[in-house]
Amino acid sequence: MLIKLLNLDNLLLSLIILFISTSLTYSEEVFIEIDNPRFSEKGLSDKTYEIKAEKGLKSDNELKLFAIEGKFKTVKDGKWIYLEADKGNYSQDNNFIELQENIIFYTDDGEKLSSNYATFDIQNDIIELAENVSHESMRGLILSDSSIITNNFNKITYFGNVESLINTSE
C-alpha cells in the first residue's frame, strides 16, 4: 500500500513538473535579434519606400524596431517624405508599421509633422498621428490631438483640439 502511494505521489509530482515546464515554454516568445533590418519596395506603380532601423527583434510575423529611419516618394509629385522614430512594430502580413516615441515626418521643403504615436499603412498610404501632433511649415504651425494624412501626403485632416498659428508675412 505504501509503495502504491509513493508511486502515485511520484506520478503527480512528475505531471506537475511537466505542466509547469510546458507552460513556461509556451509563454516565452522567441525573438531573433536582427542588426540593421531594412525593407523596401520599388514597384511598377512608382510606389517607392525604404524603412530601416538600427536593431530589430523578430517574432513570428512581427518585427520590433528601434531607432527607425525611412523615406518614401509620393506618386503624384515625386516629393520625398522622410521618417524618424525611436521605436515601432512592423507587420509583414499587413505591410503596416506602428511607430512610438519622437516620431517625425519631414520633407526637403521644410515641412515637419511630429507626434508621440503613429501608424503607417504602407499599402494604402495612410498615416495616422496621435498624441501631441504638431505640423510646422513655412505657412505656420498647427497643433492637434490627432491627424490623418491621406491622398499621397497631399491631404491632412486634424481632429480634437486644434490650434493654428498662421504666418502672414511672405
C-alpha atoms as a PDB file:
ATOM      1  CA  MET A   1       0.000   0.000   0.000  1.00  0.00           C
ATOM      2  CA  LEU A   2       2.825   2.387   0.886  1.00  0.00           C
ATOM      3  CA  ILE A   3       4.529   1.647  -2.432  1.00  0.00           C
ATOM      4  CA  LYS A   4       1.318   2.477  -4.342  1.00  0.00           C
ATOM      5  CA  LEU A   5       1.071   5.841  -2.519  1.00  0.00           C
ATOM      6  CA  LEU A   6       4.717   6.651  -3.276  1.00  0.00           C
ATOM      7  CA  ASN A   7       4.227   5.754  -6.935  1.00  0.00           C
ATOM      8  CA  LEU A   8       1.093   7.908  -7.075  1.00  0.00           C
ATOM      9  CA  ASP A   9       2.968  10.820  -5.438  1.00  0.00           C
ATOM     10  CA  ASN A  10       5.833  10.434  -7.920  1.00  0.00           C
ATOM     11  CA  LEU A  11       3.376  10.363 -10.808  1.00  0.00           C
ATOM     12  CA  LEU A  12       1.599  13.507  -9.562  1.00  0.00           C
ATOM     13  CA  LEU A  13       4.910  15.285  -8.987  1.00  0.00           C
ATOM     14  CA  SER A  14       6.080  14.337 -12.488  1.00  0.00           C
ATOM     15  CA  LEU A  15       2.842  15.608 -14.027  1.00  0.00           C
ATOM     16  CA  ILE A  16       3.101  18.913 -12.137  1.00  0.00           C
ATOM     17  CA  ILE A  17       6.709  19.413 -13.276  1.00  0.00           C
ATOM     18  CA  LEU A  18       5.749  18.563 -16.867  1.00  0.00           C
ATOM     19  CA  PHE A  19       2.815  21.005 -16.759  1.00  0.00           C
ATOM     20  CA  ILE A  20       4.947  23.836 -15.343  1.00  0.00           C
ATOM     21  CA  SER A  21       7.760  23.334 -17.850  1.00  0.00           C
ATOM     22  CA  THR A  22       5.277  23.162 -20.740  1.00  0.00           C
ATOM     23  CA  SER A  23       3.552  26.349 -19.556  1.00  0.00           C
ATOM     24  CA  LEU A  24       6.864  28.173 -19.312  1.00  0.00           C
ATOM     25  CA  THR A  25       7.877  27.024 -22.777  1.00  0.00           C
ATOM     26  CA  TYR A  26       4.661  28.242 -24.397  1.00  0.00           C
ATOM     27  CA  SER A  27       4.601  31.569 -22.539  1.00  0.00           C
ATOM     28  CA  GLU A  28       8.091  32.610 -23.647  1.00  0.00           C
ATOM     29  CA  GLU A  29       8.119  34.286 -27.031  1.00  0.00           C
ATOM     30  CA  VAL A  30      11.231  33.584 -29.049  1.00  0.00           C
ATOM     31  CA  PHE A  31      12.896  36.670 -30.522  1.00  0.00           C
ATOM     32  CA  ILE A  32      15.628  36.733 -33.118  1.00  0.00           C
ATOM     33  CA  GLU A  33      17.781  39.857 -32.975  1.00  0.00           C
ATOM     34  CA  ILE A  34      18.494  41.455 -36.348  1.00  0.00           C
ATOM     35  CA  ASP A  35      21.078  44.199 -36.855  1.00  0.00           C
ATOM     36  CA  ASN A  36      20.101  46.944 -39.312  1.00  0.00           C
ATOM     37  CA  PRO A  37      16.824  45.452 -40.616  1.00  0.00           C
ATOM     38  CA  ARG A  38      15.640  47.068 -43.838  1.00  0.00           C
ATOM     39  CA  PHE A  39      12.565  46.657 -46.001  1.00  0.00           C
ATOM     40  CA  SER A  40      11.696  48.486 -49.180  1.00  0.00           C
ATOM     41  CA  GLU A  41       9.605  48.497 -52.311  1.00  0.00           C
ATOM     42  CA  LYS A  42      10.180  49.926 -55.727  1.00  0.00           C
ATOM     43  CA  GLY A  43       7.343  48.825 -57.952  1.00  0.00           C
ATOM     44  CA  LEU A  44       5.844  49.447 -61.343  1.00  0.00           C
ATOM     45  CA  SER A  45       3.246  51.753 -59.796  1.00  0.00           C
ATOM     46  CA  ASP A  46       6.019  54.241 -58.893  1.00  0.00           C
ATOM     47  CA  LYS A  47       5.475  53.342 -55.235  1.00  0.00           C
ATOM     48  CA  THR A  48       8.871  53.646 -53.591  1.00  0.00           C
ATOM     49  CA  TYR A  49       9.768  53.387 -49.924  1.00  0.00           C
ATOM     50  CA  GLU A  50      12.566  52.230 -47.655  1.00  0.00           C
ATOM     51  CA  ILE A  51      12.393  51.765 -43.892  1.00  0.00           C
ATOM     52  CA  LYS A  52      15.376  50.728 -41.793  1.00  0.00           C
ATOM     53  CA  ALA A  53      16.320  50.541 -38.124  1.00  0.00           C
ATOM     54  CA  GLU A  54      19.440  50.130 -36.019  1.00  0.00           C
ATOM     55  CA  LYS A  55      18.073  46.949 -34.447  1.00  0.00           C
ATOM     56  CA  GLY A  56      15.094  44.623 -34.791  1.00  0.00           C
ATOM     57  CA  LEU A  57      13.613  41.783 -32.763  1.00  0.00           C
ATOM     58  CA  LYS A  58      11.742  39.276 -34.951  1.00  0.00           C
ATOM     59  CA  SER A  59       8.995  37.005 -33.642  1.00  0.00           C
ATOM     60  CA  ASP A  60       6.545  35.118 -35.844  1.00  0.00           C
ATOM     61  CA  ASN A  61       5.234  37.809 -38.195  1.00  0.00           C
ATOM     62  CA  GLU A  62       6.114  40.901 -36.143  1.00  0.00           C
ATOM     63  CA  LEU A  63       9.338  42.858 -36.184  1.00  0.00           C
ATOM     64  CA  LYS A  64      10.037  45.218 -33.275  1.00  0.00           C
ATOM     65  CA  LEU A  65      12.205  48.081 -34.494  1.00  0.00           C
ATOM     66  CA  PHE A  66      14.488  50.503 -32.644  1.00  0.00           C
ATOM     67  CA  ALA A  67      15.919  53.825 -33.946  1.00  0.00           C
ATOM     68  CA  ILE A  68      13.865  53.899 -37.145  1.00  0.00           C
ATOM     69  CA  GLU A  69      14.582  55.918 -40.286  1.00  0.00           C
ATOM     70  CA  GLY A  70      12.694  55.822 -43.526  1.00  0.00           C
ATOM     71  CA  LYS A  71      11.763  57.581 -46.704  1.00  0.00           C
ATOM     72  CA  PHE A  72       9.059  57.248 -49.306  1.00  0.00           C
ATOM     73  CA  LYS A  73       8.264  59.007 -52.530  1.00  0.00           C
ATOM     74  CA  THR A  74       4.858  60.453 -53.322  1.00  0.00           C
ATOM     75  CA  VAL A  75       3.393  59.213 -56.579  1.00  0.00           C
ATOM     76  CA  LYS A  76       1.751  62.480 -57.617  1.00  0.00           C
ATOM     77  CA  ASP A  77       4.674  64.910 -57.494  1.00  0.00           C
ATOM     78  CA  GLY A  78       7.647  62.680 -56.677  1.00  0.00           C
ATOM     79  CA  LYS A  79       8.337  64.513 -53.397  1.00  0.00           C
ATOM     80  CA  TRP A  80      10.376  62.562 -50.827  1.00  0.00           C
ATOM     81  CA  ILE A  81       8.922  62.214 -47.304  1.00  0.00           C
ATOM     82  CA  TYR A  82      11.367  61.226 -44.547  1.00  0.00           C
ATOM     83  CA  LEU A  83      10.594  59.443 -41.292  1.00  0.00           C
ATOM     84  CA  GLU A  84      12.281  59.111 -37.897  1.00  0.00           C
ATOM     85  CA  ALA A  85      11.025  57.359 -34.740  1.00  0.00           C
ATOM     86  CA  ASP A  86      12.510  55.853 -31.595  1.00  0.00           C
ATOM     87  CA  LYS A  87      10.722  52.510 -31.886  1.00  0.00           C
ATOM     88  CA  GLY A  88       7.958  50.665 -33.674  1.00  0.00           C
ATOM     89  CA  ASN A  89       6.427  47.372 -34.765  1.00  0.00           C
ATOM     90  CA  TYR A  90       6.272  46.216 -38.375  1.00  0.00           C
ATOM     91  CA  SER A  91       3.710  43.645 -39.531  1.00  0.00           C
ATOM     92  CA  GLN A  92       4.807  41.864 -42.688  1.00  0.00           C
ATOM     93  CA  ASP A  93       1.355  40.377 -43.337  1.00  0.00           C
ATOM     94  CA  ASN A  94      -0.388  43.755 -43.365  1.00  0.00           C
ATOM     95  CA  ASN A  95       2.507  45.918 -44.622  1.00  0.00           C
ATOM     96  CA  PHE A  96       1.759  48.113 -41.616  1.00  0.00           C
ATOM     97  CA  ILE A  97       4.057  49.857 -39.158  1.00  0.00           C
ATOM     98  CA  GLU A  98       3.155  51.178 -35.714  1.00  0.00           C
ATOM     99  CA  LEU A  99       5.515  53.928 -34.501  1.00  0.00           C
ATOM    100  CA  GLN A 100       6.162  55.105 -30.946  1.00  0.00           C
ATOM    101  CA  GLU A 101       8.050  57.975 -29.324  1.00  0.00           C
ATOM    102  CA  ASN A 102       9.591  61.017 -31.012  1.00  0.00           C
ATOM    103  CA  ILE A 103       8.038  60.477 -34.437  1.00  0.00           C
ATOM    104  CA  ILE A 104       8.887  62.965 -37.175  1.00  0.00           C
ATOM    105  CA  PHE A 105       7.792  63.015 -40.826  1.00  0.00           C
ATOM    106  CA  TYR A 106       9.535  65.767 -42.811  1.00  0.00           C
ATOM    107  CA  THR A 107      10.230  66.962 -46.352  1.00  0.00           C
ATOM    108  CA  ASP A 108      13.022  68.784 -48.151  1.00  0.00           C
ATOM    109  CA  ASP A 109      10.675  71.804 -48.296  1.00  0.00           C
ATOM    110  CA  GLY A 110      10.921  72.291 -44.510  1.00  0.00           C
ATOM    111  CA  GLU A 111       7.527  70.770 -43.728  1.00  0.00           C
ATOM    112  CA  LYS A 112       7.557  68.744 -40.477  1.00  0.00           C
ATOM    113  CA  LEU A 113       4.886  66.653 -38.735  1.00  0.00           C
ATOM    114  CA  SER A 114       5.609  65.163 -35.332  1.00  0.00           C
ATOM    115  CA  SER A 115       3.808  63.129 -32.657  1.00  0.00           C
ATOM    116  CA  ASN A 116       4.346  60.522 -29.947  1.00  0.00           C
ATOM    117  CA  TYR A 117       2.360  57.752 -31.651  1.00  0.00           C
ATOM    118  CA  ALA A 118       1.596  56.951 -35.287  1.00  0.00           C
ATOM    119  CA  THR A 119       0.509  54.176 -37.590  1.00  0.00           C
ATOM    120  CA  PHE A 120       1.532  53.911 -41.219  1.00  0.00           C
ATOM    121  CA  ASP A 121      -0.494  51.713 -43.574  1.00  0.00           C
ATOM    122  CA  ILE A 122       2.153  51.434 -46.273  1.00  0.00           C
ATOM    123  CA  GLN A 123      -0.084  49.611 -48.746  1.00  0.00           C
ATOM    124  CA  ASN A 124      -2.815  52.289 -48.668  1.00  0.00           C
ATOM    125  CA  ASP A 125      -0.569  55.315 -47.945  1.00  0.00           C
ATOM    126  CA  ILE A 126      -2.469  56.303 -44.795  1.00  0.00           C
ATOM    127  CA  ILE A 127      -0.615  57.797 -41.836  1.00  0.00           C
ATOM    128  CA  GLU A 128      -2.442  58.388 -38.553  1.00  0.00           C
ATOM    129  CA  LEU A 129      -0.732  60.559 -35.935  1.00  0.00           C
ATOM    130  CA  ALA A 130      -1.807  60.792 -32.279  1.00  0.00           C
ATOM    131  CA  GLU A 131      -0.576  62.337 -29.033  1.00  0.00           C
ATOM    132  CA  ASN A 132       0.909  65.837 -29.273  1.00  0.00           C
ATOM    133  CA  VAL A 133       0.564  66.257 -33.028  1.00  0.00           C
ATOM    134  CA  SER A 134       2.443  69.209 -34.483  1.00  0.00           C
ATOM    135  CA  HIS A 135       2.629  70.335 -38.122  1.00  0.00           C
ATOM    136  CA  GLU A 136       5.180  73.023 -38.968  1.00  0.00           C
ATOM    137  CA  SER A 137       5.692  74.612 -42.368  1.00  0.00           C
ATOM    138  CA  MET A 138       6.584  77.968 -43.888  1.00  0.00           C
ATOM    139  CA  ARG A 139       2.872  78.816 -43.671  1.00  0.00           C
ATOM    140  CA  GLY A 140       2.698  78.376 -39.885  1.00  0.00           C
ATOM    141  CA  LEU A 141       2.112  75.867 -37.095  1.00  0.00           C
ATOM    142  CA  ILE A 142      -0.859  73.577 -36.396  1.00  0.00           C
ATOM    143  CA  LEU A 143      -1.261  71.632 -33.141  1.00  0.00           C
ATOM    144  CA  SER A 144      -3.920  68.931 -32.703  1.00  0.00           C
ATOM    145  CA  ASP A 145      -4.877  65.847 -30.726  1.00  0.00           C
ATOM    146  CA  SER A 146      -4.594  63.661 -33.826  1.00  0.00           C
ATOM    147  CA  SER A 147      -4.449  63.808 -37.599  1.00  0.00           C
ATOM    148  CA  ILE A 148      -4.734  61.596 -40.653  1.00  0.00           C
ATOM    149  CA  ILE A 149      -2.552  62.013 -43.721  1.00  0.00           C
ATOM    150  CA  THR A 150      -4.007  60.591 -46.942  1.00  0.00           C
ATOM    151  CA  ASN A 151      -4.088  61.182 -50.681  1.00  0.00           C
ATOM    152  CA  ASN A 152      -0.384  60.582 -51.128  1.00  0.00           C
ATOM    153  CA  PHE A 153       0.637  63.059 -48.397  1.00  0.00           C
ATOM    154  CA  ASN A 154      -1.482  65.791 -50.019  1.00  0.00           C
ATOM    155  CA  LYS A 155      -4.441  65.794 -47.599  1.00  0.00           C
ATOM    156  CA  ILE A 156      -4.009  66.279 -43.849  1.00  0.00           C
ATOM    157  CA  THR A 157      -7.095  66.223 -41.607  1.00  0.00           C
ATOM    158  CA  TYR A 158      -6.844  67.348 -37.968  1.00  0.00           C
ATOM    159  CA  PHE A 159      -9.034  66.101 -35.092  1.00  0.00           C
ATOM    160  CA  GLY A 160      -9.743  67.052 -31.474  1.00  0.00           C
ATOM    161  CA  ASN A 161      -8.448  70.298 -30.045  1.00  0.00           C
ATOM    162  CA  VAL A 162      -6.846  72.099 -32.980  1.00  0.00           C
ATOM    163  CA  GLU A 163      -4.806  75.287 -32.693  1.00  0.00           C
ATOM    164  CA  SER A 164      -3.254  77.090 -35.622  1.00  0.00           C
ATOM    165  CA  LEU A 165      -0.787  79.911 -35.935  1.00  0.00           C
ATOM    166  CA  ILE A 166      -0.738  81.242 -39.492  1.00  0.00           C
ATOM    167  CA  ASN A 167       2.345  83.027 -40.800  1.00  0.00           C
ATOM    168  CA  THR A 168       1.069  86.073 -42.712  1.00  0.00           C
ATOM    169  CA  SER A 169       4.429  87.502 -43.758  1.00  0.00           C
ATOM    170  CA  GLU A 170       5.891  86.402 -47.072  1.00  0.00           C
END
